[in-house]
Amino acid sequence: MALLLLCACTSAPPAPMTPRQAATCHCPVLEPARCPEPVLIDPGPSATTRSKSTDATTCAVSGKLLLGAVEQVVIEPGDLRLPARIDSGAATSSLHARGITRFERDGRPWLRFETVTGGVAQTVRLELPLLRFAAIKGEGESVEVRPVVTMTVRLGPRTRRVRMTLADRGNYEYPVLIGRDFLGGDTLIDTGRAMLQGH
């Protein structure tokens, strides 16, 4: 079913948004951040192409953030700028890490590890407190125990502190996976598109 996004403004009946209007979810009498929730309808087969070309990348739907299947994120510490897979099926987020070493600092357990940054072209070494270990069920129902650290993730207009599991993601297409701990209940995901929040 092809879906067309309509902007329901209070001053007029719902009307289809042009690509430029959709990009800001603009309503004549309301600020973009307070734009009412768009209405989804089935415009018929003839509107399929137009629906796909509509770009609602920054439209706030009832305060929800619209993301694609892949987005660019910035992770601190380290100023890591990396492409990330957006996965609402994962409870926690995960970062690519190699050479993980445990040590003590001021009587507390810490981790030293290497990860990537700069478009996966550079390697950086980080040291962070070990929060705990988590049992993660991987492919084939196998369970992997991973260390967990706390990091700050910025994606578009949103910045949140999350618990990040560390794992060797060298065999995965993306070095970062963003899960429900960052997404929460105020995110919408368009799995057919990518980089909706910019590069």
Protein backbone atom coordinates (compact mmCIF):
# COMPACT_ATOMS: atom_id res chain seq x y z
CA MET A 1 0.00 0.00 0.00
CA ALA A 2 1.43 3.38 -1.01
CA LEU A 3 1.08 5.98 1.72
CA LEU A 4 0.90 9.72 1.24
CA LEU A 5 1.77 12.09 4.06
CA LEU A 6 -0.80 14.81 4.68
CA CYS A 7 -0.21 17.75 6.97
CA ALA A 8 -3.29 18.36 9.11
CA CYS A 9 -3.26 22.12 9.73
CA THR A 10 -5.93 23.64 11.90
CA SER A 11 -6.72 26.48 9.48
CA ALA A 12 -7.64 24.27 6.53
CA PRO A 13 -8.63 20.69 5.64
CA PRO A 14 -5.74 18.21 5.39
CA ALA A 15 -3.86 18.64 2.12
CA PRO A 16 -0.94 16.78 0.51
CA MET A 17 2.43 18.30 1.35
CA THR A 18 4.87 19.33 -1.35
CA PRO A 19 8.42 17.98 -0.89
CA ARG A 20 9.53 21.39 0.40
CA GLN A 21 6.66 21.57 2.90
CA ALA A 22 7.28 18.00 4.02
CA ALA A 23 10.94 18.77 4.68
CA THR A 24 9.98 21.14 7.45
CA CYS A 25 6.48 19.88 8.23
CA HIS A 26 5.34 23.49 7.97
CA CYS A 27 1.85 24.54 8.97
CA PRO A 28 0.73 28.12 8.27
CA VAL A 29 -0.51 28.80 11.79
CA LEU A 30 1.77 26.61 13.86
CA GLU A 31 5.52 26.39 14.46
CA PRO A 32 7.14 23.31 12.79
CA ALA A 33 7.86 21.74 16.17
CA ARG A 34 4.12 21.86 16.97
CA CYS A 35 2.86 20.59 13.64
CA PRO A 36 -0.10 18.21 14.23
CA GLU A 37 0.33 14.54 13.49
CA PRO A 38 0.18 13.89 9.73
CA VAL A 39 -2.58 11.71 8.32
CA LEU A 40 -1.72 8.58 6.36
CA ILE A 41 -3.97 7.66 3.46
CA ASP A 42 -3.85 5.31 0.49
CA PRO A 43 -3.71 7.56 -2.58
CA GLY A 44 -3.77 4.64 -5.03
CA PRO A 45 -1.15 3.10 -7.36
CA SER A 46 -0.74 6.27 -9.43
CA ALA A 47 0.77 8.11 -6.46
CA THR A 48 3.45 5.52 -5.66
CA THR A 49 6.28 7.43 -7.32
CA ARG A 50 5.28 10.73 -5.76
CA SER A 51 5.04 9.14 -2.33
CA LYS A 52 8.54 7.72 -2.56
CA SER A 53 10.01 11.07 -3.55
CA THR A 54 8.46 12.96 -0.63
CA ASP A 55 11.22 13.97 1.77
CA ALA A 56 9.92 14.35 5.35
CA THR A 57 13.36 14.05 6.90
CA THR A 58 12.96 16.61 9.64
CA CYS A 59 9.23 16.43 10.17
CA ALA A 60 8.39 16.01 13.86
CA VAL A 61 5.37 13.73 14.12
CA SER A 62 3.86 14.41 17.52
CA GLY A 63 7.36 14.98 18.88
CA LYS A 64 8.77 11.77 17.36
CA LEU A 65 12.11 11.69 15.54
CA LEU A 66 12.04 10.19 12.04
CA LEU A 67 15.08 8.02 11.23
CA GLY A 68 16.17 5.87 8.32
CA ALA A 69 17.56 2.34 8.55
CA VAL A 70 21.09 3.81 8.62
CA GLU A 71 22.10 7.14 10.16
CA GLN A 72 25.30 9.04 10.93
CA VAL A 73 26.04 9.32 14.66
CA VAL A 74 28.59 11.10 16.81
CA ILE A 75 29.75 9.20 19.92
CA GLU A 76 31.62 10.63 22.89
CA PRO A 77 34.21 10.32 24.24
CA GLY A 78 36.42 10.16 21.18
CA ASP A 79 34.37 12.31 18.79
CA LEU A 80 33.57 9.12 16.87
CA ARG A 81 31.70 9.95 13.66
CA LEU A 82 30.33 6.73 12.26
CA PRO A 83 27.48 5.25 10.23
CA ALA A 84 25.09 3.26 12.41
CA ARG A 85 22.45 0.63 11.80
CA ILE A 86 19.16 1.62 13.45
CA ASP A 87 17.59 -1.49 15.02
CA SER A 88 14.46 -1.29 17.17
CA GLY A 89 14.74 -5.05 17.71
CA ALA A 90 17.95 -4.64 19.73
CA ALA A 91 17.57 -3.74 23.41
CA THR A 92 20.99 -2.09 23.69
CA SER A 93 23.36 -0.24 21.39
CA SER A 94 26.70 -1.70 20.35
CA LEU A 95 30.07 -0.30 19.23
CA HIS A 96 32.85 -2.01 17.32
CA ALA A 97 35.83 -2.66 19.60
CA ARG A 98 39.02 -4.70 19.43
CA GLY A 99 41.84 -5.42 21.84
CA ILE A 100 39.61 -5.04 24.88
CA THR A 101 41.73 -5.09 28.03
CA ARG A 102 40.49 -4.85 31.61
CA PHE A 103 42.46 -2.92 34.24
CA GLU A 104 41.86 -1.10 37.52
CA ARG A 105 41.86 2.63 38.17
CA ASP A 106 41.23 4.04 41.64
CA GLY A 107 39.98 0.62 42.71
CA ARG A 108 37.38 0.45 39.94
CA PRO A 109 37.35 -1.82 36.84
CA TRP A 110 38.08 -0.01 33.57
CA LEU A 111 38.39 -1.07 29.93
CA ARG A 112 40.94 -0.11 27.31
CA PHE A 113 40.01 -0.80 23.70
CA GLU A 114 40.45 0.31 20.10
CA THR A 115 37.63 1.41 17.82
CA VAL A 116 37.24 3.25 14.52
CA THR A 117 36.32 6.78 13.55
CA GLY A 118 36.54 9.21 10.64
CA GLY A 119 34.39 7.14 8.31
CA VAL A 120 35.99 3.91 9.56
CA ALA A 121 39.34 5.13 8.21
CA GLN A 122 41.10 5.78 11.51
CA THR A 123 41.67 3.89 14.73
CA VAL A 124 41.39 5.48 18.16
CA ARG A 125 42.11 4.08 21.64
CA LEU A 126 39.67 4.75 24.45
CA GLU A 127 39.57 4.06 28.20
CA LEU A 128 36.23 3.91 29.99
CA PRO A 129 34.84 2.53 33.28
CA LEU A 130 33.38 -0.96 33.02
CA LEU A 131 29.72 -0.79 33.94
CA ARG A 132 28.83 -4.48 33.83
CA PHE A 133 28.70 -7.50 31.53
CA ALA A 134 25.68 -8.35 29.39
CA ALA A 135 24.63 -11.66 27.82
CA ILE A 136 23.64 -10.93 24.21
CA LYS A 137 21.89 -13.53 22.08
CA GLY A 138 23.52 -13.51 18.66
CA GLU A 139 22.86 -15.24 15.37
CA GLY A 140 22.05 -18.94 15.63
CA GLU A 141 20.71 -18.46 19.19
CA SER A 142 24.26 -18.35 20.56
CA VAL A 143 24.86 -16.22 23.66
CA GLU A 144 27.82 -13.86 23.85
CA VAL A 145 28.96 -12.10 27.02
CA ARG A 146 29.96 -8.51 26.27
CA PRO A 147 31.35 -5.71 28.44
CA VAL A 148 29.15 -2.63 28.81
CA VAL A 149 30.27 1.00 29.05
CA THR A 150 28.36 4.27 29.14
CA MET A 151 28.73 6.67 26.21
CA THR A 152 26.97 9.71 24.78
CA VAL A 153 25.34 9.37 21.36
CA ARG A 154 24.22 12.29 19.18
CA LEU A 155 21.95 11.63 16.22
CA GLY A 156 20.38 14.61 14.50
CA PRO A 157 18.82 16.84 17.16
CA ARG A 158 18.90 14.15 19.87
CA THR A 159 21.67 13.48 22.38
CA ARG A 160 21.41 10.70 24.96
CA ARG A 161 23.63 8.78 27.37
CA VAL A 162 23.34 5.07 26.63
CA ARG A 163 24.78 1.79 27.79
CA MET A 164 26.97 0.57 24.93
CA THR A 165 28.07 -3.04 24.56
CA LEU A 166 31.53 -3.56 23.07
CA ALA A 167 32.01 -6.25 20.44
CA ASP A 168 34.10 -6.97 17.36
CA ARG A 169 31.77 -5.88 14.55
CA GLY A 170 34.38 -6.37 11.84
CA ASN A 171 32.11 -8.81 10.03
CA TYR A 172 29.17 -6.40 10.06
CA GLU A 173 28.53 -3.69 7.51
CA TYR A 174 28.27 -0.94 10.13
CA PRO A 175 30.52 -0.36 13.17
CA VAL A 176 27.65 0.89 15.34
CA LEU A 177 24.21 -0.48 16.14
CA ILE A 178 21.68 1.85 17.75
CA GLY A 179 19.05 0.04 19.82
CA ARG A 180 16.01 0.81 21.91
CA ASP A 181 18.07 2.27 24.76
CA PHE A 182 18.65 5.30 22.51
CA LEU A 183 15.48 5.16 20.41
CA GLY A 184 12.97 4.94 23.25
CA GLY A 185 9.30 5.29 22.36
CA ASP A 186 9.60 8.64 20.60
CA THR A 187 11.17 7.49 17.33
CA LEU A 188 9.79 6.45 13.94
CA ILE A 189 11.93 4.38 11.55
CA ASP A 190 11.55 4.34 7.76
CA THR A 191 13.36 1.11 6.90
CA GLY A 192 13.25 1.89 3.18
CA ARG A 193 15.46 4.98 3.44
CA ALA A 194 18.77 6.03 4.99
CA MET A 195 20.56 9.13 6.30
CA LEU A 196 17.38 11.11 6.91
CA GLN A 197 19.14 13.19 9.56
CA GLY A 198 21.98 14.27 7.31
CA HIS A 199 25.54 13.06 6.75
